[in-house]
Protein backbone atom coordinates (compact mmCIF):
# COMPACT_ATOMS: atom_id res chain seq x y z
CA UNK A 1 121.22 115.89 121.88
CA UNK A 2 119.07 113.49 119.88
CA UNK A 3 120.03 112.73 116.29
CA UNK A 4 117.69 114.00 113.60
CA UNK A 5 116.15 111.12 111.69
CA UNK A 6 115.26 111.52 108.05
CA UNK A 7 112.21 109.53 107.09
CA UNK A 8 112.58 107.27 104.11
CA UNK A 9 116.29 106.60 104.55
CA UNK A 10 115.60 103.29 106.25
CA UNK A 11 113.74 102.01 103.21
CA UNK A 12 116.70 102.19 100.81
CA UNK A 13 117.52 98.54 100.06
CA UNK A 14 121.10 98.94 98.80
CA UNK A 15 124.01 101.21 99.68
CA UNK A 16 124.15 104.58 98.00
CA UNK A 17 125.88 104.28 94.64
CA UNK A 18 125.57 100.50 94.42
CA UNK A 19 123.18 100.77 91.49
CA UNK A 20 125.95 102.30 89.36
CA UNK A 21 127.87 99.04 89.60
CA UNK A 22 125.06 97.08 87.93
CA UNK A 23 125.47 98.61 84.47
CA UNK A 24 124.54 101.75 82.63
CA UNK A 25 121.45 100.38 80.87
CA UNK A 26 119.66 99.55 84.09
CA UNK A 27 120.64 102.77 85.86
CA UNK A 28 119.54 104.93 82.92
CA UNK A 29 116.20 103.15 82.87
CA UNK A 30 115.87 103.86 86.60
CA UNK A 31 116.72 107.51 86.06
CA UNK A 32 114.12 107.88 83.32
CA UNK A 33 111.55 106.24 85.58
CA UNK A 34 112.50 108.65 88.35
CA UNK A 35 112.01 111.64 86.07
CA UNK A 36 108.73 110.29 84.73
CA UNK A 37 107.41 109.77 88.26
CA UNK A 38 108.48 113.28 89.28
CA UNK A 39 106.71 114.86 86.32
CA UNK A 40 103.57 112.81 87.00
CA UNK A 41 103.62 113.83 90.67
CA UNK A 42 103.92 117.53 89.79
CA UNK A 43 101.14 117.15 87.23
CA UNK A 44 98.81 115.53 89.76
CA UNK A 45 99.56 118.31 92.27
CA UNK A 46 98.71 120.91 89.61
CA UNK A 47 95.41 119.17 88.81
CA UNK A 48 94.51 118.86 92.49
CA UNK A 49 95.26 122.54 93.10
CA UNK A 50 93.13 123.49 90.11
CA UNK A 51 90.26 121.32 91.30
CA UNK A 52 90.38 122.80 94.80
CA UNK A 53 90.59 126.34 93.41
CA UNK A 54 87.53 125.74 91.25
CA UNK A 55 85.63 124.33 94.23
CA UNK A 56 86.38 127.47 96.25
CA UNK A 57 85.46 129.73 93.33
CA UNK A 58 82.13 127.95 92.86
CA UNK A 59 81.30 128.45 96.51
CA UNK A 60 81.16 124.78 97.35
CA UNK A 61 81.55 123.89 100.98
CA UNK A 62 85.32 123.65 100.93
CA UNK A 63 88.17 124.80 103.14
CA UNK A 64 89.95 127.73 101.50
CA UNK A 65 93.11 126.99 103.47
CA UNK A 66 93.45 123.60 101.82
CA UNK A 67 93.09 125.19 98.39
CA UNK A 68 95.77 127.78 99.10
CA UNK A 69 98.14 125.19 100.54
CA UNK A 70 97.59 122.88 97.56
CA UNK A 71 98.28 125.77 95.19
CA UNK A 72 101.51 126.65 96.96
CA UNK A 73 102.64 123.02 97.00
CA UNK A 74 101.95 122.74 93.28
CA UNK A 75 103.78 125.97 92.56
CA UNK A 76 106.84 125.04 94.60
CA UNK A 77 107.03 121.54 93.15
CA UNK A 78 106.81 122.98 89.62
CA UNK A 79 109.59 125.46 90.40
CA UNK A 80 111.73 122.63 91.76
CA UNK A 81 111.08 120.54 88.66
CA UNK A 82 112.10 123.46 86.44
CA UNK A 83 115.32 123.98 88.41
CA UNK A 84 116.19 120.29 88.09
CA UNK A 85 115.50 120.52 84.36
CA UNK A 86 117.74 123.58 84.06
CA UNK A 87 120.57 121.82 85.93
CA UNK A 88 120.23 118.77 83.69
CA UNK A 89 120.41 120.94 80.57
CA UNK A 90 123.47 122.76 81.95
CA UNK A 91 125.16 119.43 82.70
CA UNK A 92 124.37 118.15 79.20
CA UNK A 93 125.76 121.29 77.60
CA UNK A 94 128.89 121.03 79.73
CA UNK A 95 129.43 117.44 78.62
CA UNK A 96 128.92 118.43 74.99
CA UNK A 97 131.59 121.16 75.33
CA UNK A 98 134.19 118.66 76.55
CA UNK A 99 136.91 117.89 74.07
CA UNK A 100 137.84 114.29 73.59
């Protein structure tokens, strides 16, 4: 039985969790960059899906399958982003409820 390889794992330069040893300021900056990039990626998918949908609606010579797939990708990525946001808010509220 061949092992299942996950693409992108090879490109991680440091061991998992090693960035937490470098300090909280740098890791929080990395986390904010990660969130910013995720929101920008979802936004670009939404714009691309809208552009493809308009092209199909105008009757331009365009593949309808690509428009539907782009719309589904944009929808799923937005739902994922909202679930991550909800989990982050829940975690924040849980931390705020902790008594010191």
